[in-house]
Amino acid sequence: MSFRVQGLDPDQFRHLFGASDASLAQAGARRYVVDAKPGFPDRIAVRDLEIGETAILINYEHQPADTPYRSPRDLRIRGGDGTAGPARRDPRGDPQPADIPPCLWT
């Protein structure tokens, strides 16, 4: 079985990057300074944020379909202009334990 872990598209969050705290609050988001690692997984870059980096906490609906599987959850993204990228892959194309970044283990 093959799979690919990829970060979320940053375009859907661009309006939050550089926004004031008041604008973030209007969007239901909050800015945090990372004070622990692990603890702030960036879902765009698919990595744990470093202590001192800025994170934006938002509610993200990753399954918006009107079904019993509809599912929003809290999500952290780096407070800057993050870039999405795939996780590392084995040259054979087979999934390896290292393909799953530690920030996705929880």
Foldseek 3Di string as FASTA:
>chain_A
DFDWQKADACVVVVVQQPDDQVVQVVQVKHKDQDQDPAPAQARAQRAGDDGRFIKMKHWAFPACDPDPPGDIDIHIHTNHRDHMDIFDADPVRHDDPSRRYPSPPD
